[in-house]
Amino acid sequence: MTKLGEDLEGAYQRGDKVPAGWEPYAEYTDQIGKAVVRLPSPDASARDLLIGAGFNPDEWKIDGPIQARKWMAYDGRWLHYFKFNVVAGESPEAVQEHVDDLVKHIRKRRPSVRRFSSSGKDAFAVVAADWQIGKAEGGSGTEQTVERVLSGIDQAKQRIKDLRRIGRQMPVGALLGLGDLVEGCIGFYPAQQFNVDRTRREQGRITRELVSHAIDELHPLFDEFWSATVAGNHGENRNDGKSFTNPGDNDDVAAFEAVREAFTRAGTEGLNWVIPDEELSIAVELGGVKVGMTHGHMFRGGATVQKKAHEWWKNQEFGLQPISGCQILLSGHFHHFSAVTYGRRTAIQAPAMDPGSQWFRFGSGEDTPAGLLTLRFDADQPLGYGDLEILSGVAA
């Protein structure tokens, strides 16, 4: 028996008088309780009080203030009474003990040599956004943009090797076009005609060649490959600054459509295509994740780009539009990178690969550095994606 137990037993056996309302007792439900304890010493710890009342100090703790009272026994001894409430939970001493154990565990921990292993259903995606082929800015204009895209594809191939080296399997690959791959010739901003170095026909041909090159380089690296695109505003058929045909009459979509016809005629295997008719948003499942795609020029109603995207996405969801149920939304148009998470959903704004814009710089005071967005879709990831990296967009 402990010293405390001996003192308690001796005190109770003498039949000392107890003050009214301070009779020792303990009662509790599943989570709360209360008790009165008589101890021979005024210096009892919270652990002593819990043990004296019959509570396990590793499972209960004192809640709130402790009332104390002392009462003189018949023989002149002072008896000490304590009244308190308890709640289920670890005592501070038990918590500290666990903390100490965790600290010891951390200090003894050795690095794990186990490599990451994905589920084997993940997908790697290269996001083509706002190339704006034909834009004559940034020095050498279209030639510089073409070199950026070619370099970006080379860097993406190296990125795939690097990720697989650390355990990502990625049997599925994708090239996702977010629109404005062509610059167009007139009607999108002041002095656009002056800043175009290729005709509409030339822009289309160069864009088709770049899309074909990307698929040629990437699709052999995967068991399954997807090519998908949406229409951007720069690809619209315009007159006096406004689109005058239907939404499907778009140079961005036409480029992917022509490339699909060429690969189909060549009998290339392992390719899948998602090309809209007149829809301005589409959904594709990659790595077990439903991914929504739109250019972003239809976003309305918000103080920031992120607010505009969020509001548009909510309305599309409510209207059961093509991207309904998507966990991730990819968009372009605004030429800078951002990623905003709403619960388990994420809106990702892709950077551009164009040569920059004096018009934007003069209006905002900011530059929009070029970059090629790559990421891995994986249903096993909490947010549905991982390994996001923006490749430099600068020729090696």
Protein backbone atom coordinates (compact mmCIF):
# COMPACT_ATOMS: atom_id res chain seq x y z
CA MET A 1 0.00 0.00 0.00
CA THR A 2 1.25 3.51 -0.83
CA LYS A 3 1.90 6.13 1.88
CA LEU A 4 -1.18 8.04 0.64
CA GLY A 5 -3.29 4.89 0.91
CA GLU A 6 -2.08 4.23 4.47
CA ASP A 7 -2.90 7.80 5.54
CA LEU A 8 -6.37 7.59 4.01
CA GLU A 9 -7.14 4.24 5.63
CA GLY A 10 -6.00 5.50 9.01
CA ALA A 11 -8.05 8.67 8.73
CA TYR A 12 -11.27 6.90 7.74
CA GLN A 13 -10.96 4.17 10.38
CA ARG A 14 -10.94 6.68 13.24
CA GLY A 15 -14.52 7.73 12.49
CA ASP A 16 -13.78 11.41 12.37
CA LYS A 17 -16.72 13.79 12.23
CA VAL A 18 -17.47 15.09 8.73
CA PRO A 19 -18.80 18.64 8.07
CA ALA A 20 -22.26 18.70 6.48
CA GLY A 21 -22.12 18.81 2.70
CA TRP A 22 -18.53 17.59 2.62
CA GLU A 23 -19.11 13.89 3.01
CA PRO A 24 -16.56 12.09 0.77
CA TYR A 25 -18.13 10.64 -2.37
CA ALA A 26 -17.65 10.35 -6.14
CA GLU A 27 -20.15 10.10 -8.99
CA TYR A 28 -19.83 10.29 -12.76
CA THR A 29 -21.46 9.62 -16.13
CA ASP A 30 -19.57 8.70 -19.30
CA GLN A 31 -17.85 12.07 -19.63
CA ILE A 32 -18.31 14.15 -16.46
CA GLY A 33 -18.29 13.64 -12.71
CA LYS A 34 -17.72 15.23 -9.31
CA ALA A 35 -16.23 14.22 -6.01
CA VAL A 36 -15.36 15.18 -2.43
CA VAL A 37 -12.15 13.74 -0.99
CA ARG A 38 -10.73 13.85 2.52
CA LEU A 39 -6.94 13.73 2.66
CA PRO A 40 -4.50 14.08 5.55
CA SER A 41 -2.40 16.74 3.82
CA PRO A 42 -3.16 20.16 2.27
CA ASP A 43 -0.42 19.63 -0.33
CA ALA A 44 -2.21 16.95 -2.35
CA SER A 45 -1.67 17.10 -6.12
CA ALA A 46 -4.42 16.82 -8.70
CA ARG A 47 -3.29 13.25 -9.27
CA ASP A 48 -3.67 12.52 -5.53
CA LEU A 49 -7.20 13.91 -5.56
CA LEU A 50 -8.23 11.83 -8.57
CA ILE A 51 -6.79 8.65 -7.05
CA GLY A 52 -8.41 9.44 -3.70
CA ALA A 53 -11.80 9.73 -5.42
CA GLY A 54 -11.28 6.51 -7.38
CA PHE A 55 -10.68 8.10 -10.78
CA ASN A 56 -7.94 6.84 -13.07
CA PRO A 57 -5.70 9.90 -13.59
CA ASP A 58 -4.79 8.68 -17.09
CA GLU A 59 -8.46 8.83 -18.12
CA TRP A 60 -9.88 11.71 -16.04
CA LYS A 61 -8.81 15.25 -15.21
CA ILE A 62 -10.04 17.93 -12.84
CA ASP A 63 -12.29 20.50 -14.48
CA GLY A 64 -12.38 23.98 -13.01
CA PRO A 65 -11.41 25.22 -9.52
CA ILE A 66 -10.84 22.98 -6.52
CA GLN A 67 -12.71 23.96 -3.35
CA ALA A 68 -10.73 23.24 -0.18
CA ARG A 69 -11.80 23.18 3.48
CA LYS A 70 -10.10 22.02 6.63
CA TRP A 71 -11.89 20.58 9.70
CA MET A 72 -10.43 19.87 13.12
CA ALA A 73 -10.88 16.31 14.35
CA TYR A 74 -11.69 15.34 17.95
CA ASP A 75 -8.01 14.87 18.73
CA GLY A 76 -6.91 18.25 17.43
CA ARG A 77 -5.73 17.06 14.03
CA TRP A 78 -6.63 19.04 10.94
CA LEU A 79 -8.54 17.12 8.27
CA HIS A 80 -8.51 18.49 4.71
CA TYR A 81 -11.47 18.21 2.36
CA PHE A 82 -11.43 18.87 -1.40
CA LYS A 83 -14.46 19.30 -3.67
CA PHE A 84 -14.03 19.31 -7.46
CA ASN A 85 -15.54 18.38 -10.84
CA VAL A 86 -13.94 16.00 -13.33
CA VAL A 87 -14.17 15.40 -17.07
CA ALA A 88 -12.96 12.52 -19.17
CA GLY A 89 -9.52 13.19 -20.58
CA GLU A 90 -5.87 12.83 -19.85
CA SER A 91 -4.43 14.63 -16.88
CA PRO A 92 -1.65 17.17 -17.46
CA GLU A 93 0.81 14.65 -16.02
CA ALA A 94 -0.34 11.98 -18.46
CA VAL A 95 -0.20 14.42 -21.36
CA GLN A 96 3.32 15.42 -20.40
CA GLU A 97 4.32 11.79 -20.17
CA HIS A 98 3.01 11.19 -23.68
CA VAL A 99 4.78 14.29 -24.96
CA ASP A 100 8.02 13.03 -23.48
CA ASP A 101 7.49 9.67 -25.14
CA LEU A 102 6.87 11.38 -28.51
CA VAL A 103 10.01 13.47 -28.15
CA LYS A 104 12.01 10.33 -27.43
CA HIS A 105 10.45 8.65 -30.48
CA ILE A 106 11.30 11.63 -32.72
CA ARG A 107 14.89 11.68 -31.54
CA LYS A 108 15.31 7.96 -32.15
CA ARG A 109 13.58 8.02 -35.56
CA ARG A 110 15.67 6.98 -38.51
CA PRO A 111 14.90 7.98 -42.11
CA SER A 112 12.67 5.55 -43.95
CA VAL A 113 14.17 4.01 -47.06
CA ARG A 114 10.79 2.96 -48.46
CA ARG A 115 10.10 4.73 -51.74
CA PHE A 116 6.79 6.31 -52.56
CA SER A 117 4.54 4.07 -54.62
CA SER A 118 1.44 5.39 -56.32
CA SER A 119 -1.67 3.33 -56.99
CA GLY A 120 -0.59 2.73 -60.56
CA LYS A 121 -3.61 4.62 -61.90
CA ASP A 122 -2.21 8.14 -61.69
CA ALA A 123 -1.93 10.43 -64.72
CA PHE A 124 0.63 13.05 -65.73
CA ALA A 125 -0.63 16.13 -67.58
CA VAL A 126 1.00 18.91 -69.59
CA VAL A 127 -1.26 21.96 -69.73
CA ALA A 128 -1.10 24.06 -72.90
CA ALA A 129 -2.49 27.52 -72.14
CA ASP A 130 -2.27 30.88 -73.90
CA TRP A 131 0.57 30.24 -76.34
CA GLN A 132 -0.88 33.02 -78.52
CA ILE A 133 1.15 32.02 -81.56
CA GLY A 134 1.50 35.07 -83.81
CA LYS A 135 2.05 37.63 -81.06
CA ALA A 136 4.96 39.89 -82.00
CA GLU A 137 6.24 40.94 -78.60
CA GLY A 138 9.07 39.99 -76.27
CA GLY A 139 11.89 40.38 -78.77
CA SER A 140 11.49 37.80 -81.52
CA GLY A 141 7.75 37.22 -81.10
CA THR A 142 6.45 33.95 -82.48
CA GLU A 143 9.91 32.41 -82.96
CA GLN A 144 10.65 32.94 -79.26
CA THR A 145 7.29 31.47 -78.23
CA VAL A 146 7.87 28.39 -80.39
CA GLU A 147 11.26 27.82 -78.71
CA ARG A 148 9.62 28.16 -75.28
CA VAL A 149 6.99 25.54 -76.10
CA LEU A 150 9.57 23.14 -77.58
CA SER A 151 11.81 23.58 -74.55
CA GLY A 152 8.82 23.10 -72.24
CA ILE A 153 8.02 19.74 -73.87
CA ASP A 154 11.65 18.65 -73.44
CA GLN A 155 11.53 19.64 -69.77
CA ALA A 156 8.22 17.80 -69.34
CA LYS A 157 9.83 14.59 -70.64
CA GLN A 158 12.60 14.96 -68.07
CA ARG A 159 10.02 15.66 -65.38
CA ILE A 160 8.28 12.37 -66.21
CA LYS A 161 11.56 10.46 -65.83
CA ASP A 162 12.32 12.19 -62.52
CA LEU A 163 8.90 11.39 -61.06
CA ARG A 164 9.07 7.75 -62.08
CA ARG A 165 12.51 7.50 -60.52
CA ILE A 166 10.96 8.30 -57.13
CA GLY A 167 8.09 5.84 -57.51
CA ARG A 168 5.30 7.57 -59.42
CA GLN A 169 4.00 5.12 -61.99
CA MET A 170 1.82 7.31 -64.23
CA PRO A 171 0.59 4.86 -66.87
CA VAL A 172 -1.62 7.63 -68.27
CA GLY A 173 -0.51 10.89 -69.89
CA ALA A 174 -2.39 13.92 -71.18
CA LEU A 175 -2.02 17.11 -73.19
CA LEU A 176 -4.70 19.54 -72.07
CA GLY A 177 -5.35 22.64 -74.18
CA LEU A 178 -6.93 25.57 -72.35
CA GLY A 179 -7.37 27.85 -75.36
CA ASP A 180 -5.77 30.95 -76.85
CA LEU A 181 -3.10 28.84 -78.51
CA VAL A 182 -3.37 31.32 -81.40
CA GLU A 183 -3.16 35.09 -81.10
CA GLY A 184 -5.75 35.98 -83.73
CA CYS A 185 -5.36 39.06 -85.84
CA ILE A 186 -7.73 41.78 -84.68
CA GLY A 187 -10.32 42.75 -82.10
CA PHE A 188 -8.93 41.72 -78.71
CA TYR A 189 -6.96 44.74 -77.52
CA PRO A 190 -5.77 48.10 -78.90
CA ALA A 191 -3.11 48.00 -81.63
CA GLN A 192 -3.34 44.21 -81.93
CA GLN A 193 -2.89 44.35 -85.72
CA PHE A 194 0.44 46.13 -85.20
CA ASN A 195 1.61 43.42 -82.77
CA VAL A 196 0.87 40.35 -84.93
CA ASP A 197 3.73 38.78 -86.89
CA ARG A 198 1.86 35.87 -88.51
CA THR A 199 -1.37 35.62 -90.50
CA ARG A 200 -4.29 33.63 -89.21
CA ARG A 201 -3.46 30.75 -91.56
CA GLU A 202 0.19 30.75 -90.45
CA GLN A 203 -0.81 30.84 -86.80
CA GLY A 204 -3.00 27.79 -87.31
CA ARG A 205 -0.28 25.82 -89.08
CA ILE A 206 2.35 26.55 -86.43
CA THR A 207 -0.08 25.65 -83.64
CA ARG A 208 -0.97 22.33 -85.29
CA GLU A 209 2.72 21.50 -85.65
CA LEU A 210 3.37 22.24 -81.96
CA VAL A 211 0.39 20.17 -80.81
CA SER A 212 1.48 17.29 -83.06
CA HIS A 213 5.06 17.55 -81.76
CA ALA A 214 3.89 17.47 -78.14
CA ILE A 215 1.80 14.35 -78.72
CA ASP A 216 4.58 12.67 -80.72
CA GLU A 217 7.06 13.27 -77.91
CA LEU A 218 4.82 12.47 -74.95
CA HIS A 219 2.39 9.73 -75.89
CA PRO A 220 5.01 6.94 -76.37
CA LEU A 221 5.97 7.42 -72.70
CA PHE A 222 2.55 6.18 -71.49
CA ASP A 223 0.28 3.16 -71.86
CA GLU A 224 -2.66 5.47 -72.49
CA PHE A 225 -2.71 9.09 -73.67
CA TRP A 226 -5.43 11.74 -73.73
CA SER A 227 -5.61 14.94 -75.77
CA ALA A 228 -8.35 17.38 -74.82
CA THR A 229 -9.01 21.04 -75.51
CA VAL A 230 -11.43 23.91 -75.02
CA ALA A 231 -11.96 27.06 -77.02
CA GLY A 232 -10.34 30.36 -76.07
CA ASN A 233 -11.56 33.81 -77.00
CA HIS A 234 -8.55 34.55 -79.28
CA GLY A 235 -9.56 31.64 -81.48
CA GLU A 236 -13.02 33.04 -82.14
CA ASN A 237 -14.18 34.17 -85.57
CA ARG A 238 -14.56 37.91 -84.96
CA ASN A 239 -15.93 40.98 -86.70
CA ASP A 240 -15.70 44.45 -85.14
CA GLY A 241 -14.32 42.90 -81.97
CA LYS A 242 -17.16 40.42 -81.46
CA SER A 243 -17.65 36.76 -82.25
CA PHE A 244 -20.19 36.43 -85.06
CA THR A 245 -20.44 32.66 -85.50
CA ASN A 246 -21.14 29.87 -83.02
CA PRO A 247 -18.83 28.95 -80.08
CA GLY A 248 -17.57 25.85 -81.90
CA ASP A 249 -16.14 27.91 -84.77
CA ASN A 250 -12.81 28.34 -83.03
CA ASP A 251 -9.17 28.05 -84.16
CA ASP A 252 -8.01 26.42 -80.89
CA VAL A 253 -10.50 23.58 -81.27
CA ALA A 254 -9.84 23.36 -85.01
CA ALA A 255 -6.11 22.83 -84.38
CA PHE A 256 -6.71 19.82 -82.10
CA GLU A 257 -9.37 18.51 -84.49
CA ALA A 258 -6.98 18.58 -87.46
CA VAL A 259 -4.26 16.87 -85.42
CA ARG A 260 -6.73 14.17 -84.37
CA GLU A 261 -7.56 13.50 -88.02
CA ALA A 262 -3.88 13.19 -88.90
CA PHE A 263 -3.10 10.75 -86.06
CA THR A 264 -6.26 8.75 -86.75
CA ARG A 265 -5.37 8.37 -90.44
CA ALA A 266 -1.85 7.33 -89.45
CA GLY A 267 -3.35 4.60 -87.26
CA THR A 268 -1.55 5.75 -84.10
CA GLU A 269 -2.65 3.60 -81.17
CA GLY A 270 -3.20 4.49 -77.52
CA LEU A 271 -4.61 7.98 -78.20
CA ASN A 272 -7.90 9.27 -76.83
CA TRP A 273 -9.50 12.61 -77.70
CA VAL A 274 -11.97 14.95 -76.01
CA ILE A 275 -12.89 17.75 -78.42
CA PRO A 276 -16.03 19.81 -77.81
CA ASP A 277 -18.58 20.80 -80.40
CA GLU A 278 -19.94 24.13 -79.14
CA GLU A 279 -19.38 23.62 -75.39
CA LEU A 280 -17.04 26.10 -73.70
CA SER A 281 -16.21 23.70 -70.87
CA ILE A 282 -15.51 19.97 -70.79
CA ALA A 283 -14.63 17.29 -68.26
CA VAL A 284 -12.16 14.42 -68.53
CA GLU A 285 -11.30 11.72 -65.98
CA LEU A 286 -7.59 11.32 -65.34
CA GLY A 287 -6.03 9.23 -62.59
CA GLY A 288 -9.50 8.55 -61.19
CA VAL A 289 -10.11 12.30 -60.81
CA LYS A 290 -12.76 14.24 -62.70
CA VAL A 291 -11.04 17.31 -64.14
CA GLY A 292 -12.91 20.29 -65.56
CA MET A 293 -11.46 22.51 -68.27
CA THR A 294 -12.46 25.96 -69.51
CA HIS A 295 -10.58 28.91 -70.94
CA GLY A 296 -11.82 31.44 -68.39
CA HIS A 297 -13.08 34.26 -70.59
CA MET A 298 -16.64 33.53 -69.48
CA PHE A 299 -15.88 34.17 -65.80
CA ARG A 300 -17.99 37.00 -64.39
CA GLY A 301 -18.89 38.56 -61.05
CA GLY A 302 -15.96 38.73 -58.65
CA ALA A 303 -13.42 41.17 -57.30
CA THR A 304 -10.48 38.89 -58.19
CA VAL A 305 -9.76 36.25 -60.80
CA GLN A 306 -10.12 33.58 -58.13
CA LYS A 307 -13.51 34.94 -57.04
CA LYS A 308 -14.69 35.07 -60.65
CA ALA A 309 -13.64 31.44 -61.18
CA HIS A 310 -15.31 30.31 -57.97
CA GLU A 311 -18.59 32.05 -58.80
CA TRP A 312 -18.64 30.66 -62.33
CA TRP A 313 -17.83 27.15 -61.10
CA LYS A 314 -20.64 27.23 -58.52
CA ASN A 315 -23.16 28.33 -61.15
CA GLN A 316 -22.02 25.63 -63.58
CA GLU A 317 -22.38 23.05 -60.82
CA PHE A 318 -25.87 24.24 -59.97
CA GLY A 319 -26.87 24.11 -63.64
CA LEU A 320 -25.51 20.56 -64.08
CA GLN A 321 -23.20 21.71 -66.87
CA PRO A 322 -20.38 19.50 -68.28
CA ILE A 323 -18.01 20.21 -65.37
CA SER A 324 -20.57 19.24 -62.74
CA GLY A 325 -18.97 16.99 -60.15
CA CYS A 326 -15.39 17.91 -61.04
CA GLN A 327 -12.85 17.96 -58.21
CA ILE A 328 -10.38 20.14 -60.10
CA LEU A 329 -10.99 23.07 -62.46
CA LEU A 330 -8.26 24.11 -64.91
CA SER A 331 -8.50 27.51 -66.59
CA GLY A 332 -6.37 29.88 -68.62
CA HIS A 333 -6.98 33.39 -70.02
CA PHE A 334 -5.51 35.38 -67.12
CA HIS A 335 -1.85 34.55 -67.88
CA HIS A 336 -0.66 33.93 -64.31
CA PHE A 337 -0.56 30.93 -62.00
CA SER A 338 -2.79 30.50 -58.98
CA ALA A 339 -4.31 27.56 -57.11
CA VAL A 340 -7.15 28.02 -54.64
CA THR A 341 -8.68 25.16 -52.67
CA TYR A 342 -12.34 25.08 -51.64
CA GLY A 343 -12.75 22.09 -49.33
CA ARG A 344 -11.69 19.13 -51.48
CA ARG A 345 -11.97 21.07 -54.74
CA THR A 346 -9.23 23.16 -56.33
CA ALA A 347 -9.36 25.83 -59.03
CA ILE A 348 -6.02 26.03 -60.85
CA GLN A 349 -5.21 28.97 -63.11
CA ALA A 350 -2.48 28.09 -65.62
CA PRO A 351 0.31 30.49 -66.61
CA ALA A 352 0.78 31.57 -70.22
CA MET A 353 3.56 30.78 -72.69
CA ASP A 354 3.13 33.93 -74.77
CA PRO A 355 5.90 36.59 -75.05
CA GLY A 356 4.23 38.96 -72.61
CA SER A 357 2.04 42.00 -73.12
CA GLN A 358 3.00 45.67 -73.09
CA TRP A 359 -0.70 46.52 -72.95
CA PHE A 360 -1.11 44.49 -69.75
CA ARG A 361 2.13 45.85 -68.26
CA PHE A 362 1.20 49.46 -68.91
CA GLY A 363 -2.28 48.94 -67.45
CA SER A 364 -1.39 46.91 -64.37
CA GLY A 365 2.28 47.64 -63.74
CA GLU A 366 2.95 43.90 -63.61
CA ASP A 367 4.57 41.31 -65.87
CA THR A 368 3.25 37.82 -66.55
CA PRO A 369 6.26 35.46 -66.70
CA ALA A 370 5.90 32.54 -69.09
CA GLY A 371 5.62 29.01 -67.75
CA LEU A 372 4.32 25.55 -68.63
CA LEU A 373 2.08 23.93 -66.01
CA THR A 374 2.53 20.21 -65.31
CA LEU A 375 0.92 18.12 -62.59
CA ARG A 376 -0.09 14.60 -61.65
CA PHE A 377 -3.71 13.58 -61.10
CA ASP A 378 -4.23 10.82 -58.53
CA ALA A 379 -7.42 9.85 -56.72
CA ASP A 380 -5.28 8.65 -53.80
CA GLN A 381 -4.14 12.23 -53.13
CA PRO A 382 -6.33 14.23 -50.69
CA LEU A 383 -6.91 17.01 -53.24
CA GLY A 384 -6.78 14.79 -56.31
CA TYR A 385 -3.45 16.10 -57.57
CA GLY A 386 0.21 16.36 -56.64
CA ASP A 387 3.71 16.98 -57.98
CA LEU A 388 2.63 20.27 -59.52
CA GLU A 389 5.48 22.13 -61.20
CA ILE A 390 5.68 25.10 -63.52
CA LEU A 391 8.45 24.49 -66.01
CA SER A 392 10.55 27.51 -66.79
CA GLY A 393 9.35 28.16 -70.31
CA VAL A 394 12.90 29.21 -71.17
CA ALA A 395 14.89 27.41 -73.84
CA ALA A 396 17.65 25.24 -72.36
